[in-house]
Amino acid sequence: MATTALRNRLVAGGLAGLAAVAGGYTIAYPY
């Protein structure tokens, strides 16, 4: 169960990171 919780946390963190990167690129290069 600990592995599942850790995986969920990593997935959530990864999605948040991708969203932040995508937002940064959108602001830096607005096409």
N, C-alpha and C. Protein backbone atom coordinates (compact mmCIF):
# COMPACT_ATOMS: atom_id res chain seq x y z
N MET A 1 0.84 -1.20 0.00
CA MET A 1 0.00 0.00 0.00
C MET A 1 0.88 1.25 0.00
N ALA A 2 2.00 1.15 0.66
CA ALA A 2 2.91 2.29 0.68
C ALA A 2 3.40 2.61 -0.73
N THR A 3 3.63 1.54 -1.50
CA THR A 3 4.12 1.75 -2.87
C THR A 3 3.04 2.44 -3.70
N THR A 4 1.78 2.07 -3.47
CA THR A 4 0.69 2.69 -4.23
C THR A 4 0.59 4.18 -3.88
N ALA A 5 0.68 4.49 -2.59
CA ALA A 5 0.60 5.89 -2.17
C ALA A 5 1.76 6.68 -2.75
N LEU A 6 2.94 6.07 -2.73
CA LEU A 6 4.12 6.76 -3.26
C LEU A 6 3.96 6.98 -4.76
N ARG A 7 3.45 5.96 -5.45
CA ARG A 7 3.26 6.09 -6.91
C ARG A 7 2.25 7.20 -7.21
N ASN A 8 1.17 7.22 -6.45
CA ASN A 8 0.16 8.27 -6.66
C ASN A 8 0.77 9.65 -6.44
N ARG A 9 1.63 9.75 -5.42
CA ARG A 9 2.26 11.05 -5.14
C ARG A 9 3.19 11.44 -6.28
N LEU A 10 3.93 10.46 -6.80
CA LEU A 10 4.86 10.76 -7.90
C LEU A 10 4.08 11.16 -9.15
N VAL A 11 2.98 10.46 -9.42
CA VAL A 11 2.17 10.79 -10.60
C VAL A 11 1.60 12.20 -10.47
N ALA A 12 1.08 12.53 -9.28
CA ALA A 12 0.52 13.86 -9.07
C ALA A 12 1.61 14.92 -9.21
N GLY A 13 2.78 14.65 -8.65
CA GLY A 13 3.89 15.60 -8.76
C GLY A 13 4.34 15.75 -10.21
N GLY A 14 4.36 14.63 -10.94
CA GLY A 14 4.76 14.69 -12.35
C GLY A 14 3.78 15.52 -13.17
N LEU A 15 2.48 15.31 -12.92
CA LEU A 15 1.48 16.08 -13.67
C LEU A 15 1.61 17.56 -13.32
N ALA A 16 1.82 17.87 -12.06
CA ALA A 16 1.97 19.27 -11.65
C ALA A 16 3.21 19.87 -12.31
N GLY A 17 4.29 19.10 -12.37
CA GLY A 17 5.52 19.58 -13.00
C GLY A 17 5.31 19.83 -14.49
N LEU A 18 4.63 18.90 -15.16
CA LEU A 18 4.38 19.08 -16.59
C LEU A 18 3.51 20.31 -16.83
N ALA A 19 2.52 20.51 -15.98
CA ALA A 19 1.64 21.68 -16.12
C ALA A 19 2.45 22.96 -15.93
N ALA A 20 3.36 22.96 -14.96
CA ALA A 20 4.19 24.15 -14.71
C ALA A 20 5.11 24.42 -15.90
N VAL A 21 5.71 23.36 -16.44
CA VAL A 21 6.61 23.52 -17.59
C VAL A 21 5.82 24.01 -18.80
N ALA A 22 4.66 23.41 -19.04
CA ALA A 22 3.84 23.83 -20.18
C ALA A 22 3.42 25.28 -20.02
N GLY A 23 3.04 25.68 -18.81
CA GLY A 23 2.65 27.07 -18.56
C GLY A 23 3.83 28.00 -18.78
N GLY A 24 5.02 27.60 -18.36
CA GLY A 24 6.21 28.44 -18.54
C GLY A 24 6.52 28.61 -20.01
N TYR A 25 6.43 27.52 -20.79
CA TYR A 25 6.70 27.62 -22.22
C TYR A 25 5.65 28.48 -22.91
N THR A 26 4.40 28.37 -22.47
CA THR A 26 3.33 29.17 -23.07
C THR A 26 3.58 30.65 -22.82
N ILE A 27 4.05 30.98 -21.61
CA ILE A 27 4.32 32.38 -21.28
C ILE A 27 5.56 32.87 -22.03
N ALA A 28 6.58 32.00 -22.13
CA ALA A 28 7.82 32.40 -22.78
C ALA A 28 7.66 32.47 -24.29
N TYR A 29 6.90 31.52 -24.85
CA TYR A 29 6.73 31.49 -26.31
C TYR A 29 5.25 31.42 -26.65
N PRO A 30 4.52 32.53 -26.54
CA PRO A 30 3.08 32.53 -26.84
C PRO A 30 2.83 32.45 -28.34
N TYR A 31 2.36 31.30 -28.78
CA TYR A 31 2.06 31.16 -30.21
C TYR A 31 0.56 31.11 -30.40
